[in-house]
Amino acid sequence: MEFRRTLIMVALAAVTYFLFLSWQQDYGTKPKADEVVSTAVTVEAGEMPAVVAPAANSDIPAVAVATAANVSKPVLVSDSTTSPHVRVLTDVLDVDIDRLGGDVTRVSLPKYTQTVTDKTPFVLMNQSNNLTYIAQSGLVGVGNGTGLQGLDDQASGRPLYDVAQSQFTLADGQDALKVVLSTTTDAGVKVEKVFTFTRGDYRIGINYHVANTSDKPWQGVMFGQIKRDNSKDPSSDNHSFGMVTFLGGAWWTADKNYNKESLDNFGKEVMSQQVTGGWVAMVQHYFVSAWIPPAQQINQISTRKGNNGADNYIGFTSSPLLVAPGGQGSVAADFYAGPKIQDKLKTLSPGLELTVDYGWLWPIAQFLFWLLKSIHGFLGNWGWSIIVLTILVKAAFFKLSATSYRSMANMRRVMPEMQRMKEQFGDDRQKMSQAMMALYKKEKINPLGGCLPILVQMPVFIALYWTLMESVELRHASWILWIQDLSLMDPYFVLPLLMGVSMFVQQQLNPAPQDPMQAKVMKIMPVVFTVFFLWFPAGLVLYWLMNNLLSITQQWVITRNIEKAAAQQSGH
């Protein structure tokens, strides 16, 4: 009996521990070299150019340093704050593009508001005093070659593009919108940077079209990277006890479809790999930005820390693009900035849907989300969907739960006899233990019968916790009355208090521990859990409350039947 109680307490403690653990960032600091050595790279025919640390302009990745004589220089300006931006509006995106370099410097999402009460669009990416989070791309020289090299240069800066107008809007009935930025170098190489926006799509197609009207060959490498400072995840303000979800970079490799590194480790854990296709991303709670090169293209992906120590970069460089005199060529990649909706991400690139990080219980969490989403398809309300999901999960474990409750009911039935034995044997633990084992054998009671079902259901509860926390579909999802956001805590603490009451009621149906200390601990357990759950997401508390209510009903029926049968038997 004592061991059984201890095991249950350990199980409850483990649930609490994993709930807290899932809020923490996934990786700690790993010992690695703190600096990246800057070196020039020789590019052989057919090889991928390697990325090395930049020497001057840290925003431009150095594939290799091109010689001054070979650099074809476009019209440049040195201060990006003086160059105007181009604004692009679609049904799902509101984007600012800096004419200097053609970088995406702001992305807001009209379909997602800041909070339930603040209906202004959620700003995902921005370049401001409070946040540096932008998507950069360009054409750099491969170096150590002949002819004209690249467009973006570490020493000279970024090209200033021309554009037809300062604002573009996807009109009603229009499916796609193209925004063309163009520049021509002194040597006669014309470059068009074409942004393609599609209705209902958070993906932006970016295509470089190079027309070489000079008398020399031109070559360049496309780079795409995400630059982000160390500012916190915007969702961290809603997290309890100061705990945060994962914030950092992620990427795909052939060996492992989902790799990740927290921002804290970017300067210590440097990644550089060659892949075919793949993607690189910056992940935060509910949202993700990602560069997705063509699936058949050989790319070099990498992470690095900026020279200032404040900025973090994750990006790719493509295979070299070679354009003969009088010829044309193009290189392209897609950029995604939006919610972590698994169905959409999966169609963009394999493994990108894994940025919806359900942790080590991913298979269970994925099934629960599929089930929850299917229920929502019929009911149209996430709160009622969670209740129905709770009923289905409870039904799946009905027999296991029944075994547990029968064991507890039988233990409760023989409690008077156990109390009599305790008074009889006093402090003689050996005789007490022998007498209890004999009683268990006589009454056909398994003292551990109630533990296994609890342990089996623990992974389901933890997986559901991650499901509710990571699914953007539940962000700002209302239920009834005062519950306007199931992803946040109950503002009036009604659900946590009801959950605490339900735990207390359920505890009364269980046999009381023989050990006085354990009895005291079990009595305060509902209070402790209530305090924890005050700041937990309302959706998770709703699940726990409904699970407790269903458990109380099932346990009460089983306990009543067993006690009734025992009373009838003793009456005979």
Protein backbone atom coordinates (compact mmCIF):
# COMPACT_ATOMS: atom_id res chain seq x y z
CA MET A 1 0.00 0.00 0.00
CA GLU A 2 2.80 2.44 0.96
CA PHE A 3 4.73 1.65 -2.21
CA ARG A 4 1.60 2.16 -4.29
CA ARG A 5 1.03 5.59 -2.77
CA THR A 6 4.63 6.56 -3.34
CA LEU A 7 4.43 5.48 -6.97
CA ILE A 8 1.28 7.55 -7.54
CA MET A 9 2.93 10.58 -6.00
CA VAL A 10 5.99 10.11 -8.21
CA ALA A 11 3.69 9.86 -11.25
CA LEU A 12 1.92 13.11 -10.34
CA ALA A 13 5.26 14.81 -9.73
CA ALA A 14 6.49 13.58 -13.11
CA VAL A 15 3.43 15.04 -14.85
CA THR A 16 4.07 18.39 -13.21
CA TYR A 17 7.77 18.23 -14.08
CA PHE A 18 7.12 17.53 -17.76
CA LEU A 19 4.55 20.32 -17.92
CA PHE A 20 7.16 22.76 -16.69
CA LEU A 21 9.90 21.22 -18.82
CA SER A 22 7.90 21.61 -22.01
CA TRP A 23 7.88 25.37 -21.53
CA GLN A 24 11.65 25.54 -21.42
CA GLN A 25 13.82 26.03 -24.46
CA ASP A 26 14.87 22.71 -25.84
CA TYR A 27 18.64 22.95 -25.85
CA GLY A 28 21.16 24.18 -23.35
CA THR A 29 24.56 25.67 -24.02
CA LYS A 30 26.94 23.31 -25.75
CA PRO A 31 30.70 23.76 -25.66
CA LYS A 32 31.91 24.82 -29.09
CA ALA A 33 34.33 27.26 -30.56
CA ASP A 34 33.24 30.84 -29.84
CA GLU A 35 34.63 32.38 -33.00
CA VAL A 36 34.45 31.71 -36.71
CA VAL A 37 37.66 32.14 -38.63
CA SER A 38 37.30 34.19 -41.81
CA THR A 39 39.05 32.65 -44.78
CA ALA A 40 38.88 32.89 -48.54
CA VAL A 41 37.50 29.89 -50.40
CA THR A 42 38.55 28.59 -53.76
CA VAL A 43 35.64 27.35 -55.81
CA GLU A 44 36.33 24.50 -58.18
CA ALA A 45 34.04 23.66 -61.07
CA GLY A 46 30.96 21.80 -59.89
CA GLU A 47 31.63 22.55 -56.22
CA MET A 48 29.30 24.39 -53.86
CA PRO A 49 30.76 27.66 -52.66
CA ALA A 50 31.24 27.57 -48.90
CA VAL A 51 30.00 30.35 -46.63
CA VAL A 52 32.56 32.05 -44.45
CA ALA A 53 32.24 34.88 -41.94
CA PRO A 54 31.85 38.35 -43.47
CA ALA A 55 34.62 40.87 -43.03
CA ALA A 56 32.87 44.23 -43.36
CA ASN A 57 29.15 44.27 -44.10
CA SER A 58 27.91 41.51 -41.79
CA ASP A 59 24.55 41.33 -43.58
CA ILE A 60 26.19 39.91 -46.70
CA PRO A 61 27.49 36.33 -46.40
CA ALA A 62 30.95 35.91 -47.88
CA VAL A 63 31.03 33.09 -50.38
CA ALA A 64 34.52 34.26 -51.28
CA VAL A 65 36.08 37.66 -51.78
CA ALA A 66 35.92 38.83 -55.37
CA THR A 67 38.77 41.03 -56.63
CA ALA A 68 37.98 44.71 -57.16
CA ALA A 69 38.81 44.52 -60.85
CA ASN A 70 36.17 41.88 -61.42
CA VAL A 71 33.32 43.40 -59.43
CA SER A 72 30.54 44.91 -61.49
CA LYS A 73 29.24 47.77 -59.35
CA PRO A 74 25.62 48.89 -59.47
CA VAL A 75 24.35 52.22 -58.18
CA LEU A 76 24.78 52.06 -54.39
CA VAL A 77 23.83 54.11 -51.36
CA SER A 78 25.45 53.71 -47.97
CA ASP A 79 22.56 54.47 -45.60
CA SER A 80 19.46 52.26 -45.85
CA THR A 81 17.42 54.62 -43.67
CA THR A 82 17.35 57.16 -46.52
CA SER A 83 15.98 54.74 -49.11
CA PRO A 84 12.21 54.37 -49.52
CA HIS A 85 10.29 51.15 -49.05
CA VAL A 86 7.76 49.38 -51.21
CA ARG A 87 4.58 48.24 -49.49
CA VAL A 88 2.69 45.17 -50.72
CA LEU A 89 -0.81 44.29 -49.48
CA THR A 90 -2.55 40.97 -50.03
CA ASP A 91 -5.43 39.27 -48.24
CA VAL A 92 -3.01 37.55 -45.81
CA LEU A 93 0.19 39.63 -45.91
CA ASP A 94 1.22 43.22 -45.37
CA VAL A 95 4.88 43.47 -46.43
CA ASP A 96 7.51 46.20 -46.62
CA ILE A 97 10.40 45.74 -49.07
CA ASP A 98 13.48 47.93 -48.76
CA ARG A 99 14.63 49.20 -52.14
CA LEU A 100 18.17 48.99 -50.79
CA GLY A 101 18.95 45.33 -51.38
CA GLY A 102 15.33 44.33 -51.87
CA ASP A 103 15.08 42.89 -48.34
CA VAL A 104 11.78 42.11 -46.62
CA THR A 105 11.91 44.39 -43.58
CA ARG A 106 8.38 44.10 -42.23
CA VAL A 107 5.68 41.43 -42.30
CA SER A 108 2.32 41.75 -40.58
CA LEU A 109 -0.51 39.23 -40.79
CA PRO A 110 -4.03 40.70 -41.28
CA LYS A 111 -5.68 37.35 -40.44
CA TYR A 112 -4.01 37.24 -37.00
CA THR A 113 -4.54 40.00 -34.45
CA GLN A 114 -2.15 41.10 -31.70
CA THR A 115 -4.50 39.97 -28.91
CA VAL A 116 -8.17 39.15 -28.46
CA THR A 117 -8.94 42.77 -27.62
CA ASP A 118 -6.31 44.45 -29.81
CA LYS A 119 -7.49 43.81 -33.36
CA THR A 120 -4.47 45.33 -35.10
CA PRO A 121 -2.63 42.81 -37.33
CA PHE A 122 0.08 40.76 -35.66
CA VAL A 123 3.55 41.98 -36.65
CA LEU A 124 5.76 38.95 -37.25
CA MET A 125 8.87 40.59 -38.72
CA ASN A 126 10.10 44.14 -38.37
CA GLN A 127 13.14 46.39 -38.34
CA SER A 128 12.72 48.86 -35.50
CA ASN A 129 14.29 50.02 -32.26
CA ASN A 130 12.65 47.12 -30.43
CA LEU A 131 13.15 44.33 -32.94
CA THR A 132 15.41 43.34 -35.81
CA TYR A 133 13.83 40.44 -37.65
CA ILE A 134 14.10 40.61 -41.45
CA ALA A 135 14.57 38.41 -44.52
CA GLN A 136 17.51 39.26 -46.77
CA SER A 137 18.51 37.99 -50.20
CA GLY A 138 20.91 38.96 -52.93
CA LEU A 139 23.52 37.93 -55.49
CA VAL A 140 27.13 37.69 -54.36
CA GLY A 141 30.29 36.90 -56.28
CA VAL A 142 31.96 33.52 -55.98
CA GLY A 143 35.48 35.00 -56.21
CA ASN A 144 38.67 33.65 -57.72
CA GLY A 145 37.11 33.66 -61.14
CA THR A 146 37.12 35.76 -64.26
CA GLY A 147 34.52 38.12 -65.66
CA LEU A 148 31.86 40.00 -63.74
CA GLN A 149 30.97 38.97 -60.22
CA GLY A 150 27.73 39.24 -58.28
CA LEU A 151 25.68 42.28 -57.33
CA ASP A 152 25.75 42.59 -53.53
CA ASP A 153 29.23 43.26 -52.21
CA GLN A 154 30.67 43.40 -48.69
CA ALA A 155 32.88 46.36 -49.42
CA SER A 156 30.53 48.42 -51.61
CA GLY A 157 27.15 47.56 -50.05
CA ARG A 158 23.75 46.71 -51.50
CA PRO A 159 22.18 47.72 -54.83
CA LEU A 160 19.45 50.36 -54.84
CA TYR A 161 16.61 49.01 -56.98
CA ASP A 162 14.16 50.95 -59.12
CA VAL A 163 10.47 50.13 -58.88
CA ALA A 164 7.41 51.39 -60.74
CA GLN A 165 5.42 52.49 -57.66
CA SER A 166 5.69 52.60 -53.88
CA GLN A 167 2.62 50.49 -53.08
CA PHE A 168 1.04 47.39 -54.62
CA THR A 169 -2.29 45.83 -53.65
CA LEU A 170 -3.73 42.48 -54.63
CA ALA A 171 -7.08 43.51 -56.05
CA ASP A 172 -10.35 41.67 -55.54
CA GLY A 173 -10.58 38.83 -58.02
CA GLN A 174 -6.83 38.91 -58.67
CA ASP A 175 -5.05 35.63 -57.88
CA ALA A 176 -1.41 36.75 -58.10
CA LEU A 177 0.62 39.93 -57.90
CA LYS A 178 4.15 40.55 -59.20
CA VAL A 179 6.40 43.30 -57.85
CA VAL A 180 9.46 43.93 -60.01
CA LEU A 181 12.58 45.63 -58.65
CA SER A 182 15.34 46.32 -61.18
CA THR A 183 18.86 47.73 -61.43
CA THR A 184 21.59 47.89 -64.07
CA THR A 185 25.30 47.77 -63.29
CA ASP A 186 27.92 50.03 -64.86
CA ALA A 187 29.08 47.08 -66.93
CA GLY A 188 25.64 46.59 -68.49
CA VAL A 189 24.26 43.68 -66.44
CA LYS A 190 20.54 44.15 -65.82
CA VAL A 191 19.05 42.41 -62.77
CA GLU A 192 15.35 42.11 -61.99
CA LYS A 193 14.29 40.93 -58.55
CA VAL A 194 10.70 39.72 -58.93
CA PHE A 195 8.47 39.14 -55.89
CA THR A 196 5.38 37.01 -56.56
CA PHE A 197 2.47 37.11 -54.10
CA THR A 198 -0.48 34.70 -54.32
CA ARG A 199 -3.95 35.06 -52.83
CA GLY A 200 -4.36 33.13 -49.58
CA ASP A 201 -0.68 32.20 -49.51
CA TYR A 202 1.98 33.21 -46.97
CA ARG A 203 4.68 32.15 -49.40
CA ILE A 204 6.49 34.79 -51.45
CA GLY A 205 8.26 33.71 -54.61
CA ILE A 206 11.56 35.57 -55.19
CA ASN A 207 13.19 35.27 -58.61
CA TYR A 208 16.37 36.92 -59.85
CA HIS A 209 16.47 37.38 -63.61
CA VAL A 210 19.89 38.37 -64.94
CA ALA A 211 20.37 39.77 -68.48
CA ASN A 212 24.06 40.10 -69.33
CA THR A 213 24.41 42.70 -72.11
CA SER A 214 28.13 43.13 -71.44
CA ASP A 215 31.00 41.53 -73.34
CA LYS A 216 32.18 39.53 -70.30
CA PRO A 217 30.73 36.46 -68.59
CA TRP A 218 28.87 37.05 -65.33
CA GLN A 219 28.52 34.71 -62.39
CA GLY A 220 26.92 34.97 -59.00
CA VAL A 221 25.44 33.03 -56.13
CA MET A 222 22.03 33.71 -54.62
CA PHE A 223 21.87 33.96 -50.86
CA GLY A 224 18.78 34.00 -48.71
CA GLN A 225 18.99 34.49 -44.98
CA ILE A 226 16.94 35.44 -41.94
CA LYS A 227 18.42 38.01 -39.60
CA ARG A 228 17.10 38.23 -36.06
CA ASP A 229 18.36 39.86 -32.90
CA ASN A 230 18.12 38.37 -29.41
CA SER A 231 14.82 40.02 -28.46
CA LYS A 232 12.31 37.73 -26.79
CA ASP A 233 9.45 35.88 -28.40
CA PRO A 234 6.35 38.14 -28.43
CA SER A 235 4.31 35.29 -26.96
CA SER A 236 6.56 35.09 -23.89
CA ASP A 237 4.47 37.78 -22.18
CA ASN A 238 1.62 35.28 -21.98
CA HIS A 239 3.68 32.47 -20.46
CA SER A 240 3.36 31.51 -16.84
CA PHE A 241 6.19 31.66 -14.31
CA GLY A 242 8.45 33.31 -16.91
CA MET A 243 8.70 30.10 -18.96
CA VAL A 244 9.06 30.36 -22.73
CA THR A 245 8.59 28.21 -25.79
CA PHE A 246 11.37 27.49 -28.28
CA LEU A 247 12.88 30.47 -30.10
CA GLY A 248 15.65 29.84 -32.60
CA GLY A 249 16.73 28.49 -35.95
CA ALA A 250 15.72 25.24 -37.64
CA TRP A 251 16.82 23.47 -40.82
CA TRP A 252 16.45 20.34 -42.90
CA THR A 253 19.11 17.79 -43.81
CA ALA A 254 18.89 14.47 -45.59
CA ASP A 255 19.89 12.64 -42.39
CA LYS A 256 17.44 14.45 -40.13
CA ASN A 257 14.34 16.26 -41.30
CA TYR A 258 14.22 18.62 -38.35
CA ASN A 259 17.22 20.19 -36.65
CA LYS A 260 17.11 23.21 -34.36
CA GLU A 261 19.34 25.56 -32.40
CA SER A 262 18.28 28.19 -29.90
CA LEU A 263 19.36 31.78 -30.47
CA ASP A 264 21.54 31.58 -27.38
CA ASN A 265 23.73 28.97 -29.08
CA PHE A 266 24.16 30.64 -32.49
CA GLY A 267 27.56 32.04 -31.53
CA LYS A 268 28.73 28.77 -30.00
CA GLU A 269 27.21 26.07 -32.18
CA VAL A 270 28.05 27.01 -35.80
CA MET A 271 26.30 24.95 -38.48
CA SER A 272 27.39 24.69 -42.13
CA GLN A 273 26.21 21.85 -44.36
CA GLN A 274 25.59 21.08 -48.02
CA VAL A 275 22.12 19.83 -48.89
CA THR A 276 19.98 19.24 -51.94
CA GLY A 277 16.84 21.34 -51.61
CA GLY A 278 16.02 21.67 -47.93
CA TRP A 279 15.02 24.77 -45.99
CA VAL A 280 16.17 27.06 -43.19
CA ALA A 281 13.82 28.75 -40.75
CA MET A 282 13.46 30.98 -37.72
CA VAL A 283 10.93 29.50 -35.30
CA GLN A 284 8.88 31.12 -32.56
CA HIS A 285 5.63 30.37 -30.78
CA TYR A 286 2.84 29.84 -33.35
CA PHE A 287 4.75 31.43 -36.28
CA VAL A 288 7.70 30.69 -38.55
CA SER A 289 9.71 32.33 -41.32
CA ALA A 290 11.60 30.13 -43.76
CA TRP A 291 13.69 30.20 -46.94
CA ILE A 292 12.85 27.30 -49.25
CA PRO A 293 15.19 26.84 -52.25
CA PRO A 294 14.18 24.63 -55.21
CA ALA A 295 14.06 20.95 -54.31
CA GLN A 296 16.69 19.86 -56.86
CA GLN A 297 19.15 22.68 -56.19
CA ILE A 298 22.38 22.09 -54.27
CA ASN A 299 22.68 24.59 -51.44
CA GLN A 300 24.99 25.43 -48.59
CA ILE A 301 23.05 26.13 -45.39
CA SER A 302 24.60 27.79 -42.37
CA THR A 303 24.13 29.70 -39.14
CA ARG A 304 26.34 32.44 -37.79
CA LYS A 305 26.54 35.30 -35.35
CA GLY A 306 26.88 38.88 -36.56
CA ASN A 307 30.07 40.83 -36.01
CA ASN A 308 28.23 43.01 -33.49
CA GLY A 309 27.34 39.96 -31.41
CA ALA A 310 23.68 41.02 -31.31
CA ASP A 311 22.35 39.58 -34.58
CA ASN A 312 21.79 35.97 -35.55
CA TYR A 313 21.74 34.65 -39.12
CA ILE A 314 20.46 31.45 -40.67
CA GLY A 315 20.44 31.09 -44.43
CA PHE A 316 21.53 29.38 -47.62
CA THR A 317 23.65 30.03 -50.69
CA SER A 318 22.79 28.45 -54.02
CA SER A 319 24.89 26.84 -56.72
CA PRO A 320 26.69 29.41 -58.94
CA LEU A 321 24.66 30.98 -61.73
CA LEU A 322 26.76 31.53 -64.89
CA VAL A 323 25.53 33.93 -67.59
CA ALA A 324 27.48 34.27 -70.84
CA PRO A 325 27.86 37.65 -72.64
CA GLY A 326 24.55 38.45 -74.30
CA GLY A 327 22.83 35.67 -72.36
CA GLN A 328 20.21 35.45 -69.64
CA GLY A 329 19.78 33.38 -66.52
CA SER A 330 17.67 33.14 -63.39
CA VAL A 331 17.78 31.76 -59.87
CA ALA A 332 14.92 31.64 -57.39
CA ALA A 333 13.73 30.61 -53.95
CA ASP A 334 10.54 30.85 -51.91
CA PHE A 335 10.19 32.72 -48.64
CA TYR A 336 7.45 31.87 -46.13
CA ALA A 337 6.36 34.12 -43.27
CA GLY A 338 3.22 33.14 -41.42
CA PRO A 339 1.47 30.75 -39.03
CA LYS A 340 2.68 27.22 -38.33
CA ILE A 341 -0.18 25.44 -40.11
CA GLN A 342 1.01 21.89 -40.67
CA ASP A 343 -0.98 21.10 -43.80
CA LYS A 344 0.41 24.16 -45.61
CA LEU A 345 3.98 23.76 -44.39
CA LYS A 346 4.10 20.12 -45.42
CA THR A 347 3.30 21.00 -49.03
CA LEU A 348 6.13 23.56 -49.17
CA SER A 349 9.00 21.26 -48.22
CA PRO A 350 9.44 17.92 -46.41
CA GLY A 351 9.95 18.34 -42.69
CA LEU A 352 8.89 21.99 -42.55
CA GLU A 353 5.71 20.97 -40.73
CA LEU A 354 7.91 19.73 -37.87
CA THR A 355 8.46 23.36 -36.86
CA VAL A 356 5.18 22.72 -35.03
CA ASP A 357 7.28 21.14 -32.29
CA TYR A 358 5.30 18.64 -30.22
CA GLY A 359 8.39 17.38 -28.40
CA TRP A 360 9.44 13.77 -27.85
CA LEU A 361 5.81 12.56 -27.80
CA TRP A 362 5.26 13.90 -31.31
CA PRO A 363 3.43 10.80 -32.72
CA ILE A 364 0.83 10.86 -29.93
CA ALA A 365 0.45 14.64 -30.07
CA GLN A 366 0.09 14.56 -33.85
CA PHE A 367 -2.72 11.99 -33.61
CA LEU A 368 -4.47 14.01 -30.90
CA PHE A 369 -4.27 17.15 -33.01
CA TRP A 370 -5.68 15.32 -36.03
CA LEU A 371 -8.52 14.04 -33.87
CA LEU A 372 -9.13 17.46 -32.32
CA LYS A 373 -9.13 19.14 -35.73
CA SER A 374 -11.56 16.53 -37.09
CA ILE A 375 -13.95 17.14 -34.20
CA HIS A 376 -13.66 20.89 -34.73
CA GLY A 377 -14.64 20.36 -38.36
CA PHE A 378 -18.07 19.21 -37.12
CA LEU A 379 -18.55 21.44 -34.06
CA GLY A 380 -16.82 24.64 -35.16
CA ASN A 381 -15.77 25.50 -31.59
CA TRP A 382 -12.42 24.51 -30.09
CA GLY A 383 -13.69 24.47 -26.50
CA TRP A 384 -16.46 21.97 -27.19
CA SER A 385 -14.00 20.05 -29.37
CA ILE A 386 -11.66 19.67 -26.38
CA ILE A 387 -14.55 18.35 -24.29
CA VAL A 388 -15.48 15.77 -26.94
CA LEU A 389 -11.80 14.83 -27.30
CA THR A 390 -11.65 14.28 -23.54
CA ILE A 391 -14.63 11.96 -23.72
CA LEU A 392 -13.03 9.97 -26.57
CA VAL A 393 -9.70 9.69 -24.75
CA LYS A 394 -11.50 8.62 -21.60
CA ALA A 395 -13.43 6.02 -23.58
CA ALA A 396 -10.19 4.66 -25.03
CA PHE A 397 -8.83 4.11 -21.52
CA PHE A 398 -12.15 3.04 -20.01
CA LYS A 399 -11.14 -0.54 -19.20
CA LEU A 400 -7.77 0.47 -17.81
CA SER A 401 -9.43 3.10 -15.66
CA ALA A 402 -12.02 0.61 -14.49
CA THR A 403 -9.22 -1.72 -13.35
CA SER A 404 -7.66 1.11 -11.40
CA TYR A 405 -10.91 2.16 -9.77
CA ARG A 406 -11.84 -1.41 -8.81
CA SER A 407 -8.47 -1.77 -7.15
CA MET A 408 -9.01 1.49 -5.25
CA ALA A 409 -12.56 0.49 -4.28
CA ASN A 410 -11.39 -2.87 -2.96
CA MET A 411 -8.60 -1.19 -1.05
CA ARG A 412 -11.14 1.18 0.44
CA ARG A 413 -13.40 -1.76 1.34
CA VAL A 414 -10.70 -3.47 3.41
CA MET A 415 -9.47 -0.28 5.08
CA PRO A 416 -11.17 -1.13 8.41
CA GLU A 417 -9.37 -4.47 8.50
CA MET A 418 -6.05 -2.81 7.64
CA GLN A 419 -6.60 -0.29 10.44
CA ARG A 420 -7.28 -3.13 12.86
CA MET A 421 -4.03 -4.85 11.82
CA LYS A 422 -2.11 -1.63 12.29
CA GLU A 423 -3.41 -1.36 15.85
CA GLN A 424 -2.67 -5.04 16.45
CA PHE A 425 0.93 -5.10 15.21
CA GLY A 426 1.92 -1.52 16.09
CA ASP A 427 5.46 -0.75 14.97
CA ASP A 428 6.29 -4.31 13.91
CA ARG A 429 6.57 -3.58 10.19
CA GLN A 430 7.51 -7.13 9.23
CA LYS A 431 4.43 -8.70 10.77
CA MET A 432 2.29 -5.89 9.45
CA SER A 433 3.60 -6.44 5.93
CA GLN A 434 3.00 -10.21 6.15
CA ALA A 435 -0.54 -9.68 7.38
CA MET A 436 -1.28 -7.20 4.60
CA MET A 437 0.03 -9.57 1.93
CA ALA A 438 -2.17 -12.32 3.33
CA LEU A 439 -5.14 -9.95 3.23
CA TYR A 440 -4.42 -8.98 -0.36
CA LYS A 441 -4.23 -12.64 -1.34
CA LYS A 442 -7.44 -13.51 0.45
CA GLU A 443 -9.39 -10.63 -1.05
CA LYS A 444 -7.68 -10.99 -4.48
CA ILE A 445 -6.43 -7.41 -4.42
CA ASN A 446 -3.48 -6.20 -6.47
CA PRO A 447 -2.01 -3.24 -4.55
CA LEU A 448 -0.37 -1.98 -7.74
CA GLY A 449 -3.47 -2.45 -9.87
CA GLY A 450 -4.31 1.23 -9.78
CA CYS A 451 -0.87 2.47 -10.79
CA LEU A 452 -0.41 1.13 -14.32
CA PRO A 453 -3.44 2.90 -15.83
CA ILE A 454 -2.22 6.20 -14.37
CA LEU A 455 1.27 5.72 -15.80
CA VAL A 456 -0.13 4.71 -19.21
CA GLN A 457 -2.28 7.84 -19.42
CA MET A 458 0.54 10.21 -18.45
CA PRO A 459 2.08 10.37 -21.98
CA VAL A 460 -1.35 11.15 -23.44
CA PHE A 461 -1.84 14.07 -21.08
CA ILE A 462 1.66 15.47 -21.73
CA ALA A 463 1.19 15.07 -25.50
CA LEU A 464 -2.15 16.88 -25.33
CA TYR A 465 -0.45 19.67 -23.41
CA TRP A 466 1.99 20.18 -26.29
CA THR A 467 -0.85 19.90 -28.79
CA LEU A 468 -2.77 22.72 -27.16
CA MET A 469 0.32 24.87 -26.69
CA GLU A 470 1.85 24.53 -30.17
CA SER A 471 -1.24 24.61 -32.40
CA VAL A 472 -1.76 28.08 -33.84
CA GLU A 473 -5.33 27.08 -34.65
CA LEU A 474 -6.15 27.49 -30.94
CA ARG A 475 -4.56 30.94 -30.69
CA HIS A 476 -7.32 33.41 -29.74
CA ALA A 477 -9.89 30.59 -29.99
CA SER A 478 -12.89 31.33 -27.77
CA TRP A 479 -15.16 28.89 -25.98
CA ILE A 480 -18.06 30.40 -23.99
CA LEU A 481 -18.73 33.49 -21.90
CA TRP A 482 -15.48 34.76 -20.35
CA ILE A 483 -13.16 32.22 -22.03
CA GLN A 484 -12.14 34.20 -25.12
CA ASP A 485 -8.71 32.60 -25.67
CA LEU A 486 -8.16 28.93 -24.87
CA SER A 487 -4.40 29.35 -25.32
CA LEU A 488 -4.22 31.77 -22.36
CA MET A 489 -5.07 31.35 -18.69
CA ASP A 490 -8.61 31.75 -17.41
CA PRO A 491 -8.76 35.48 -16.54
CA TYR A 492 -11.09 34.83 -13.58
CA PHE A 493 -9.54 31.48 -12.48
CA VAL A 494 -12.92 29.75 -12.60
CA LEU A 495 -11.74 26.63 -14.43
CA PRO A 496 -8.65 26.08 -12.22
CA LEU A 497 -10.73 26.43 -9.05
CA LEU A 498 -13.33 23.98 -10.37
CA MET A 499 -10.51 21.63 -11.32
CA GLY A 500 -9.16 21.84 -7.74
CA VAL A 501 -12.59 21.03 -6.33
CA SER A 502 -12.89 18.05 -8.68
CA MET A 503 -9.49 16.74 -7.54
CA PHE A 504 -10.61 17.02 -3.91
CA VAL A 505 -13.86 15.14 -4.62
CA GLN A 506 -11.99 12.43 -6.49
CA GLN A 507 -9.56 12.11 -3.61
CA GLN A 508 -12.46 11.34 -1.25
CA LEU A 509 -13.27 8.28 -3.35
CA ASN A 510 -9.76 6.90 -2.88
CA PRO A 511 -8.62 4.91 0.15
CA ALA A 512 -6.83 7.04 2.71
CA PRO A 513 -3.07 6.43 3.07
CA GLN A 514 -1.96 4.59 6.20
CA ASP A 515 1.09 6.77 6.60
CA PRO A 516 0.14 10.11 8.28
CA MET A 517 2.72 12.09 6.31
CA GLN A 518 1.45 10.70 2.99
CA ALA A 519 -2.08 11.49 4.06
CA LYS A 520 -1.13 15.12 4.65
CA VAL A 521 0.68 15.33 1.31
CA MET A 522 -2.30 13.87 -0.55
CA LYS A 523 -4.64 16.36 1.11
CA ILE A 524 -2.68 19.38 -0.09
CA MET A 525 -2.19 17.94 -3.60
CA PRO A 526 -5.42 19.51 -4.97
CA VAL A 527 -4.33 22.88 -3.57
CA VAL A 528 -0.87 22.58 -5.15
CA PHE A 529 -2.27 21.60 -8.54
CA THR A 530 -4.84 24.38 -8.39
CA VAL A 531 -2.08 26.94 -7.84
CA PHE A 532 -0.09 25.54 -10.78
CA PHE A 533 -3.12 25.52 -13.06
CA LEU A 534 -4.08 29.10 -12.31
CA TRP A 535 -1.64 30.20 -15.03
CA PHE A 536 -1.99 27.26 -17.41
CA PRO A 537 -3.86 27.61 -20.74
CA ALA A 538 -7.62 27.48 -20.28
CA GLY A 539 -7.85 24.73 -22.90
CA LEU A 540 -5.58 22.44 -20.91
CA VAL A 541 -7.41 23.16 -17.64
CA LEU A 542 -10.70 22.44 -19.40
CA TYR A 543 -9.35 19.05 -20.48
CA TRP A 544 -8.18 18.19 -16.96
CA LEU A 545 -11.47 19.33 -15.41
CA MET A 546 -13.55 17.25 -17.81
CA ASN A 547 -11.26 14.26 -17.32
CA ASN A 548 -11.71 14.56 -13.54
CA LEU A 549 -15.49 14.81 -13.82
CA LEU A 550 -15.64 11.72 -16.03
CA SER A 551 -13.25 9.89 -13.70
CA ILE A 552 -15.36 10.80 -10.65
CA THR A 553 -18.49 9.46 -12.34
CA GLN A 554 -16.84 6.20 -13.37
CA GLN A 555 -15.11 5.71 -10.02
CA TRP A 556 -18.24 6.50 -8.02
CA VAL A 557 -20.29 3.93 -9.95
CA ILE A 558 -17.63 1.22 -9.57
CA THR A 559 -17.05 1.97 -5.87
CA ARG A 560 -20.79 1.98 -5.15
CA ASN A 561 -21.29 -1.36 -6.92
CA ILE A 562 -18.39 -3.02 -5.10
CA GLU A 563 -19.47 -1.74 -1.70
CA LYS A 564 -23.07 -2.75 -2.41
CA ALA A 565 -21.96 -6.26 -3.38
CA ALA A 566 -19.80 -6.50 -0.25
CA ALA A 567 -22.72 -5.40 1.92
CA GLN A 568 -25.03 -8.00 0.38
CA GLN A 569 -22.39 -10.70 0.86
CA SER A 570 -21.88 -9.81 4.50
CA GLY A 571 -25.66 -9.80 5.00
CA HIS A 572 -25.84 -13.43 3.95
